[in-house]
Amino acid sequence: MNATRWDQIHAPHGIASLRHTHWLDGDPQAYEGAPGRWHTGDGAVIGTGIDGIGDIVLAPFAETVIGAVKLRAFARDGALALRVHDPENPARVQLTGIESYAPDAAWALTGRYEPAAVGEERLIRSVDGHESTHPAGGRVTLMIRGEERTLIVSDDGGALNAVIADSSASGGTYPFRFLPIGAPDAAGAVTVDFNRAYLPPCAFSDQYVCPLPPPENRLPIAVTAGERRALRADS
């Protein structure tokens, strides 16, 4: 794990600092960890009665720091939430590192990308049970341990990404991981390097709403490459 990855996770307001995700409505209320009272209005997250500040309006994904905490407006399918990033979140304080598998060139495989049909959609389920449909990205077909497999991938401006699960979870690996694949070449060829698999944000805080792997991406083999699990002082 490089220093940039560790800082992304363990910085005072990094990934592991997320202590609360409060889903809001139009009724101003006090919420744990956040100063003042919070509600939604005109597509924004609104805070009122904040000592020394007064009122705050946060557009979706905007953020502000008040005292020790960072407050961030989060949006999903029209619903708005207030996220509280607290440096004293036990999930951050107890985090000591990330265990990874040793790099293994045998897990860098060649595959072929096929984009989804125009208008094709895919249902995405999140760890909190939420379901939503999104434009489908496509599929990557490759050979893994002598078996042909097809991974469902998203397409973010040409860069491909997958959410995968595998049988190494029975040995302590986090139940699922994110896998960046990168852009295919002109012929659709891609390199699927499982050494790049990394833990999702919900491995560091249960307040995230990470997408779950689709059935096609639940591999019946152990992928012993990439990040494995979060290490904590009490583990």
C-alpha atoms as a PDB file:
ATOM      1  CA  MET A   1       0.000   0.000   0.000  1.00  0.00           C
ATOM      2  CA  ASN A   2       1.429   3.368  -0.974  1.00  0.00           C
ATOM      3  CA  ALA A   3       1.288   6.531   1.118  1.00  0.00           C
ATOM      4  CA  THR A   4      -1.328   8.138  -1.123  1.00  0.00           C
ATOM      5  CA  ARG A   5      -3.745   5.247  -0.648  1.00  0.00           C
ATOM      6  CA  TRP A   6      -3.226   5.260   3.129  1.00  0.00           C
ATOM      7  CA  ASP A   7      -3.763   9.014   3.332  1.00  0.00           C
ATOM      8  CA  GLN A   8      -6.945   8.710   1.237  1.00  0.00           C
ATOM      9  CA  ILE A   9      -8.309   6.317   3.842  1.00  0.00           C
ATOM     10  CA  HIS A  10      -6.766   7.408   7.141  1.00  0.00           C
ATOM     11  CA  ALA A  11      -6.510  11.205   6.821  1.00  0.00           C
ATOM     12  CA  PRO A  12      -8.517  13.082   9.493  1.00  0.00           C
ATOM     13  CA  HIS A  13     -11.411  13.466   7.049  1.00  0.00           C
ATOM     14  CA  GLY A  14     -10.539  10.459   4.887  1.00  0.00           C
ATOM     15  CA  ILE A  15     -12.679   7.473   3.967  1.00  0.00           C
ATOM     16  CA  ALA A  16     -12.479   5.844   7.415  1.00  0.00           C
ATOM     17  CA  SER A  17     -13.657   9.008   9.178  1.00  0.00           C
ATOM     18  CA  LEU A  18     -17.275   8.687   7.997  1.00  0.00           C
ATOM     19  CA  ARG A  19     -19.211   8.317  11.251  1.00  0.00           C
ATOM     20  CA  HIS A  20     -22.786   9.071  10.204  1.00  0.00           C
ATOM     21  CA  THR A  21     -24.923   9.161   7.081  1.00  0.00           C
ATOM     22  CA  HIS A  22     -28.182  10.876   8.000  1.00  0.00           C
ATOM     23  CA  TRP A  23     -30.963  10.661   5.416  1.00  0.00           C
ATOM     24  CA  LEU A  24     -32.924  13.905   5.547  1.00  0.00           C
ATOM     25  CA  ASP A  25     -36.397  15.174   4.786  1.00  0.00           C
ATOM     26  CA  GLY A  26     -38.033  18.587   4.865  1.00  0.00           C
ATOM     27  CA  ASP A  27     -38.386  18.659   8.651  1.00  0.00           C
ATOM     28  CA  PRO A  28     -35.447  20.402  10.397  1.00  0.00           C
ATOM     29  CA  GLN A  29     -34.011  18.107  13.052  1.00  0.00           C
ATOM     30  CA  ALA A  30     -30.896  17.666  15.141  1.00  0.00           C
ATOM     31  CA  TYR A  31     -28.676  14.788  14.026  1.00  0.00           C
ATOM     32  CA  GLU A  32     -25.901  13.040  15.886  1.00  0.00           C
ATOM     33  CA  GLY A  33     -22.463  14.503  15.271  1.00  0.00           C
ATOM     34  CA  ALA A  34     -23.700  17.547  13.344  1.00  0.00           C
ATOM     35  CA  PRO A  35     -24.134  21.057  14.791  1.00  0.00           C
ATOM     36  CA  GLY A  36     -27.490  22.802  14.401  1.00  0.00           C
ATOM     37  CA  ARG A  37     -30.545  21.336  12.676  1.00  0.00           C
ATOM     38  CA  TRP A  38     -30.697  19.892   9.169  1.00  0.00           C
ATOM     39  CA  HIS A  39     -33.274  19.340   6.444  1.00  0.00           C
ATOM     40  CA  THR A  40     -33.705  19.360   2.672  1.00  0.00           C
ATOM     41  CA  GLY A  41     -35.083  22.087   0.461  1.00  0.00           C
ATOM     42  CA  ASP A  42     -34.871  23.023  -3.233  1.00  0.00           C
ATOM     43  CA  GLY A  43     -32.591  20.073  -3.945  1.00  0.00           C
ATOM     44  CA  ALA A  44     -30.035  21.025  -1.299  1.00  0.00           C
ATOM     45  CA  VAL A  45     -29.002  20.054   2.234  1.00  0.00           C
ATOM     46  CA  ILE A  46     -29.717  22.921   4.623  1.00  0.00           C
ATOM     47  CA  GLY A  47     -28.320  23.500   8.098  1.00  0.00           C
ATOM     48  CA  THR A  48     -29.816  26.091  10.445  1.00  0.00           C
ATOM     49  CA  GLY A  49     -29.017  27.481  13.873  1.00  0.00           C
ATOM     50  CA  ILE A  50     -25.334  26.601  13.731  1.00  0.00           C
ATOM     51  CA  ASP A  51     -23.447  28.396  16.497  1.00  0.00           C
ATOM     52  CA  GLY A  52     -21.216  31.154  15.176  1.00  0.00           C
ATOM     53  CA  ILE A  53     -22.310  30.506  11.566  1.00  0.00           C
ATOM     54  CA  GLY A  54     -26.078  30.598  11.271  1.00  0.00           C
ATOM     55  CA  ASP A  55     -27.368  28.824   8.176  1.00  0.00           C
ATOM     56  CA  ILE A  56     -25.576  26.700   5.550  1.00  0.00           C
ATOM     57  CA  VAL A  57     -26.813  25.472   2.177  1.00  0.00           C
ATOM     58  CA  LEU A  58     -24.921  22.575   0.588  1.00  0.00           C
ATOM     59  CA  ALA A  59     -25.575  21.463  -2.978  1.00  0.00           C
ATOM     60  CA  PRO A  60     -25.262  17.690  -3.526  1.00  0.00           C
ATOM     61  CA  PHE A  61     -21.653  16.564  -2.866  1.00  0.00           C
ATOM     62  CA  ALA A  62     -20.598  19.983  -1.579  1.00  0.00           C
ATOM     63  CA  GLU A  63     -18.920  20.032   1.816  1.00  0.00           C
ATOM     64  CA  THR A  64     -17.831  22.276   4.641  1.00  0.00           C
ATOM     65  CA  VAL A  65     -15.710  21.920   7.770  1.00  0.00           C
ATOM     66  CA  ILE A  66     -17.079  23.072  11.124  1.00  0.00           C
ATOM     67  CA  GLY A  67     -14.770  22.591  14.063  1.00  0.00           C
ATOM     68  CA  ALA A  68     -13.269  19.111  13.866  1.00  0.00           C
ATOM     69  CA  VAL A  69     -15.897  17.578  11.562  1.00  0.00           C
ATOM     70  CA  LYS A  70     -16.435  17.728   7.837  1.00  0.00           C
ATOM     71  CA  LEU A  71     -20.055  17.826   6.682  1.00  0.00           C
ATOM     72  CA  ARG A  72     -20.873  16.651   3.174  1.00  0.00           C
ATOM     73  CA  ALA A  73     -24.127  16.604   1.234  1.00  0.00           C
ATOM     74  CA  PHE A  74     -24.774  13.224  -0.374  1.00  0.00           C
ATOM     75  CA  ALA A  75     -27.388  12.383  -3.010  1.00  0.00           C
ATOM     76  CA  ARG A  76     -28.791   9.123  -4.354  1.00  0.00           C
ATOM     77  CA  ASP A  77     -31.730   8.804  -6.723  1.00  0.00           C
ATOM     78  CA  GLY A  78     -33.185  12.102  -5.553  1.00  0.00           C
ATOM     79  CA  ALA A  79     -32.789  11.418  -1.824  1.00  0.00           C
ATOM     80  CA  LEU A  80     -30.428  13.638   0.143  1.00  0.00           C
ATOM     81  CA  ALA A  81     -28.280  12.847   3.152  1.00  0.00           C
ATOM     82  CA  LEU A  82     -25.833  14.628   5.432  1.00  0.00           C
ATOM     83  CA  ARG A  83     -22.566  12.818   5.967  1.00  0.00           C
ATOM     84  CA  VAL A  84     -20.483  13.517   9.053  1.00  0.00           C
ATOM     85  CA  HIS A  85     -16.736  12.868   8.789  1.00  0.00           C
ATOM     86  CA  ASP A  86     -15.257  12.771  12.288  1.00  0.00           C
ATOM     87  CA  PRO A  87     -11.513  12.233  12.921  1.00  0.00           C
ATOM     88  CA  GLU A  88     -12.481  10.518  16.188  1.00  0.00           C
ATOM     89  CA  ASN A  89     -14.646   7.914  14.472  1.00  0.00           C
ATOM     90  CA  PRO A  90     -13.650   4.573  16.099  1.00  0.00           C
ATOM     91  CA  ALA A  91     -13.475   2.984  12.629  1.00  0.00           C
ATOM     92  CA  ARG A  92     -10.646   5.415  11.814  1.00  0.00           C
ATOM     93  CA  VAL A  93      -8.950   5.524  15.220  1.00  0.00           C
ATOM     94  CA  GLN A  94      -8.660   1.720  15.393  1.00  0.00           C
ATOM     95  CA  LEU A  95      -7.462   1.319  11.788  1.00  0.00           C
ATOM     96  CA  THR A  96      -3.816   0.262  11.621  1.00  0.00           C
ATOM     97  CA  GLY A  97      -3.347  -0.744   7.997  1.00  0.00           C
ATOM     98  CA  ILE A  98      -4.505  -2.755   5.010  1.00  0.00           C
ATOM     99  CA  GLU A  99      -3.470  -6.336   4.429  1.00  0.00           C
ATOM    100  CA  SER A 100      -2.750  -7.159   0.792  1.00  0.00           C
ATOM    101  CA  TYR A 101      -1.700 -10.244  -1.101  1.00  0.00           C
ATOM    102  CA  ALA A 102       1.840 -10.309  -2.472  1.00  0.00           C
ATOM    103  CA  PRO A 103       1.967  -9.061  -6.105  1.00  0.00           C
ATOM    104  CA  ASP A 104       1.585 -11.950  -8.524  1.00  0.00           C
ATOM    105  CA  ALA A 105       2.024 -11.466 -12.266  1.00  0.00           C
ATOM    106  CA  ALA A 106      -0.062 -14.602 -12.874  1.00  0.00           C
ATOM    107  CA  TRP A 107      -3.142 -12.584 -11.895  1.00  0.00           C
ATOM    108  CA  ALA A 108      -2.683 -10.074 -14.740  1.00  0.00           C
ATOM    109  CA  LEU A 109      -4.910 -11.564 -17.435  1.00  0.00           C
ATOM    110  CA  THR A 110      -5.934 -10.601 -20.935  1.00  0.00           C
ATOM    111  CA  GLY A 111      -9.618 -10.197 -21.692  1.00  0.00           C
ATOM    112  CA  ARG A 112     -11.925  -8.839 -24.344  1.00  0.00           C
ATOM    113  CA  TYR A 113     -14.415  -6.048 -23.786  1.00  0.00           C
ATOM    114  CA  GLU A 114     -17.880  -5.964 -25.347  1.00  0.00           C
ATOM    115  CA  PRO A 115     -19.892  -2.774 -24.775  1.00  0.00           C
ATOM    116  CA  ALA A 116     -23.527  -3.040 -23.761  1.00  0.00           C
ATOM    117  CA  ALA A 117     -26.232  -2.491 -26.337  1.00  0.00           C
ATOM    118  CA  VAL A 118     -27.582   1.029 -26.699  1.00  0.00           C
ATOM    119  CA  GLY A 119     -30.319   1.537 -24.115  1.00  0.00           C
ATOM    120  CA  GLU A 120     -29.376  -1.532 -22.073  1.00  0.00           C
ATOM    121  CA  GLU A 121     -29.783  -1.055 -18.321  1.00  0.00           C
ATOM    122  CA  ARG A 122     -28.576  -2.967 -15.285  1.00  0.00           C
ATOM    123  CA  LEU A 123     -30.003  -3.264 -11.795  1.00  0.00           C
ATOM    124  CA  ILE A 124     -27.526  -2.305  -9.076  1.00  0.00           C
ATOM    125  CA  ARG A 125     -28.048  -3.388  -5.477  1.00  0.00           C
ATOM    126  CA  SER A 126     -26.291  -1.629  -2.624  1.00  0.00           C
ATOM    127  CA  VAL A 127     -25.216  -2.944   0.773  1.00  0.00           C
ATOM    128  CA  ASP A 128     -28.168  -1.188   2.457  1.00  0.00           C
ATOM    129  CA  GLY A 129     -30.689  -2.958   0.209  1.00  0.00           C
ATOM    130  CA  HIS A 130     -31.317  -0.011  -2.121  1.00  0.00           C
ATOM    131  CA  GLU A 131     -31.894  -0.915  -5.777  1.00  0.00           C
ATOM    132  CA  SER A 132     -31.613   1.319  -8.816  1.00  0.00           C
ATOM    133  CA  THR A 133     -31.171   0.936 -12.558  1.00  0.00           C
ATOM    134  CA  HIS A 134     -28.309   2.509 -14.481  1.00  0.00           C
ATOM    135  CA  PRO A 135     -27.064   2.409 -18.076  1.00  0.00           C
ATOM    136  CA  ALA A 136     -25.126  -0.807 -18.583  1.00  0.00           C
ATOM    137  CA  GLY A 137     -21.418  -0.546 -19.316  1.00  0.00           C
ATOM    138  CA  GLY A 138     -20.520  -3.861 -20.871  1.00  0.00           C
ATOM    139  CA  ARG A 139     -18.825  -7.203 -20.334  1.00  0.00           C
ATOM    140  CA  VAL A 140     -15.263  -8.475 -20.184  1.00  0.00           C
ATOM    141  CA  THR A 141     -14.652 -12.103 -21.109  1.00  0.00           C
ATOM    142  CA  LEU A 142     -11.432 -13.775 -19.959  1.00  0.00           C
ATOM    143  CA  MET A 143      -9.953 -17.094 -18.890  1.00  0.00           C
ATOM    144  CA  ILE A 144      -9.435 -17.531 -15.145  1.00  0.00           C
ATOM    145  CA  ARG A 145      -7.767 -20.709 -13.965  1.00  0.00           C
ATOM    146  CA  GLY A 146      -8.703 -22.478 -17.199  1.00  0.00           C
ATOM    147  CA  GLU A 147     -12.375 -21.435 -17.121  1.00  0.00           C
ATOM    148  CA  GLU A 148     -13.987 -18.779 -19.273  1.00  0.00           C
ATOM    149  CA  ARG A 149     -15.608 -16.089 -17.124  1.00  0.00           C
ATOM    150  CA  THR A 150     -17.559 -12.950 -17.972  1.00  0.00           C
ATOM    151  CA  LEU A 151     -17.358  -9.898 -15.722  1.00  0.00           C
ATOM    152  CA  ILE A 152     -19.997  -7.183 -15.779  1.00  0.00           C
ATOM    153  CA  VAL A 153     -18.264  -3.802 -15.887  1.00  0.00           C
ATOM    154  CA  SER A 154     -19.202  -0.154 -15.711  1.00  0.00           C
ATOM    155  CA  ASP A 155     -17.795   2.341 -18.188  1.00  0.00           C
ATOM    156  CA  ASP A 156     -16.666   5.652 -16.727  1.00  0.00           C
ATOM    157  CA  GLY A 157     -15.593   7.687 -19.707  1.00  0.00           C
ATOM    158  CA  GLY A 158     -13.716   4.766 -21.240  1.00  0.00           C
ATOM    159  CA  ALA A 159     -12.171   3.454 -18.016  1.00  0.00           C
ATOM    160  CA  LEU A 160     -13.751   0.167 -16.984  1.00  0.00           C
ATOM    161  CA  ASN A 161     -14.506  -0.937 -13.437  1.00  0.00           C
ATOM    162  CA  ALA A 162     -15.964  -4.072 -11.871  1.00  0.00           C
ATOM    163  CA  VAL A 163     -17.231  -5.071  -8.442  1.00  0.00           C
ATOM    164  CA  ILE A 164     -16.103  -8.633  -7.713  1.00  0.00           C
ATOM    165  CA  ALA A 165     -16.489 -11.287  -5.048  1.00  0.00           C
ATOM    166  CA  ASP A 166     -14.606 -14.583  -4.774  1.00  0.00           C
ATOM    167  CA  SER A 167     -14.148 -17.555  -2.494  1.00  0.00           C
ATOM    168  CA  SER A 168     -11.148 -16.036  -0.696  1.00  0.00           C
ATOM    169  CA  ALA A 169     -13.725 -14.291   1.512  1.00  0.00           C
ATOM    170  CA  SER A 170     -14.076 -17.565   3.427  1.00  0.00           C
ATOM    171  CA  GLY A 171     -10.444 -17.134   4.480  1.00  0.00           C
ATOM    172  CA  GLY A 172     -10.775 -13.561   5.714  1.00  0.00           C
ATOM    173  CA  THR A 173     -10.739 -11.422   2.578  1.00  0.00           C
ATOM    174  CA  TYR A 174     -13.407  -8.693   2.617  1.00  0.00           C
ATOM    175  CA  PRO A 175     -16.614 -10.033   0.984  1.00  0.00           C
ATOM    176  CA  PHE A 176     -16.199  -7.976  -2.185  1.00  0.00           C
ATOM    177  CA  ARG A 177     -13.735  -5.628  -3.828  1.00  0.00           C
ATOM    178  CA  PHE A 178     -13.520  -3.001  -6.550  1.00  0.00           C
ATOM    179  CA  LEU A 179     -11.433  -3.747  -9.635  1.00  0.00           C
ATOM    180  CA  PRO A 180     -10.285  -0.994 -12.033  1.00  0.00           C
ATOM    181  CA  ILE A 181      -9.614  -2.404 -15.488  1.00  0.00           C
ATOM    182  CA  GLY A 182      -8.769   0.573 -17.650  1.00  0.00           C
ATOM    183  CA  ALA A 183      -9.703   1.408 -21.213  1.00  0.00           C
ATOM    184  CA  PRO A 184      -9.784  -1.261 -23.941  1.00  0.00           C
ATOM    185  CA  ASP A 185      -7.663  -0.859 -27.046  1.00  0.00           C
ATOM    186  CA  ALA A 186      -9.137  -0.365 -30.502  1.00  0.00           C
ATOM    187  CA  ALA A 187      -9.766  -4.114 -30.840  1.00  0.00           C
ATOM    188  CA  GLY A 188     -11.460  -4.372 -27.428  1.00  0.00           C
ATOM    189  CA  ALA A 189      -8.531  -6.071 -25.682  1.00  0.00           C
ATOM    190  CA  VAL A 190      -8.057  -5.242 -21.992  1.00  0.00           C
ATOM    191  CA  THR A 191      -5.676  -6.275 -19.231  1.00  0.00           C
ATOM    192  CA  VAL A 192      -7.528  -7.411 -16.120  1.00  0.00           C
ATOM    193  CA  ASP A 193      -4.961  -7.134 -13.343  1.00  0.00           C
ATOM    194  CA  PHE A 194      -6.468  -8.537 -10.157  1.00  0.00           C
ATOM    195  CA  ASN A 195      -3.462  -7.179  -8.266  1.00  0.00           C
ATOM    196  CA  ARG A 196      -5.238  -3.826  -8.578  1.00  0.00           C
ATOM    197  CA  ALA A 197      -8.340  -5.026  -6.690  1.00  0.00           C
ATOM    198  CA  TYR A 198      -8.970  -2.750  -3.724  1.00  0.00           C
ATOM    199  CA  LEU A 199     -11.278  -2.565  -0.731  1.00  0.00           C
ATOM    200  CA  PRO A 200     -14.496  -0.553  -1.097  1.00  0.00           C
ATOM    201  CA  PRO A 201     -15.213   2.350   1.271  1.00  0.00           C
ATOM    202  CA  CYS A 202     -17.642   0.218   3.284  1.00  0.00           C
ATOM    203  CA  ALA A 203     -14.691  -1.940   4.369  1.00  0.00           C
ATOM    204  CA  PHE A 204     -13.607   1.062   6.447  1.00  0.00           C
ATOM    205  CA  SER A 205     -16.967   2.462   7.602  1.00  0.00           C
ATOM    206  CA  ASP A 206     -20.411   0.852   7.640  1.00  0.00           C
ATOM    207  CA  GLN A 207     -21.952   4.238   6.779  1.00  0.00           C
ATOM    208  CA  TYR A 208     -21.214   3.905   3.049  1.00  0.00           C
ATOM    209  CA  VAL A 209     -23.702   2.475   0.550  1.00  0.00           C
ATOM    210  CA  CYS A 210     -21.365   0.544  -1.747  1.00  0.00           C
ATOM    211  CA  PRO A 211     -22.710  -1.373  -4.760  1.00  0.00           C
ATOM    212  CA  LEU A 212     -22.678  -5.147  -4.465  1.00  0.00           C
ATOM    213  CA  PRO A 213     -21.201  -7.406  -7.148  1.00  0.00           C
ATOM    214  CA  PRO A 214     -23.713  -8.723  -9.686  1.00  0.00           C
ATOM    215  CA  PRO A 215     -24.170 -12.516  -9.840  1.00  0.00           C
ATOM    216  CA  GLU A 216     -21.838 -12.821 -12.856  1.00  0.00           C
ATOM    217  CA  ASN A 217     -18.988 -11.283 -10.838  1.00  0.00           C
ATOM    218  CA  ARG A 218     -19.211 -13.704  -7.909  1.00  0.00           C
ATOM    219  CA  LEU A 219     -16.337 -15.991  -8.796  1.00  0.00           C
ATOM    220  CA  PRO A 220     -16.270 -19.570  -7.418  1.00  0.00           C
ATOM    221  CA  ILE A 221     -12.493 -19.411  -7.003  1.00  0.00           C
ATOM    222  CA  ALA A 222     -10.101 -17.635  -4.639  1.00  0.00           C
ATOM    223  CA  VAL A 223      -8.607 -14.505  -6.180  1.00  0.00           C
ATOM    224  CA  THR A 224      -5.440 -14.203  -4.103  1.00  0.00           C
ATOM    225  CA  ALA A 225      -4.411 -10.798  -5.415  1.00  0.00           C
ATOM    226  CA  GLY A 226      -4.928  -7.173  -4.448  1.00  0.00           C
ATOM    227  CA  GLU A 227      -6.044  -5.693  -1.145  1.00  0.00           C
ATOM    228  CA  ARG A 228      -7.410  -8.254   1.269  1.00  0.00           C
ATOM    229  CA  ARG A 229      -8.838  -6.699   4.448  1.00  0.00           C
ATOM    230  CA  ALA A 230      -8.663  -3.725   6.787  1.00  0.00           C
ATOM    231  CA  LEU A 231      -6.480  -4.195   9.861  1.00  0.00           C
ATOM    232  CA  ARG A 232      -7.634  -2.781  13.180  1.00  0.00           C
ATOM    233  CA  ALA A 233      -6.119  -2.611  16.631  1.00  0.00           C
ATOM    234  CA  ASP A 234      -8.835  -4.882  18.025  1.00  0.00           C
ATOM    235  CA  SER A 235      -8.452  -7.568  15.314  1.00  0.00           C
END
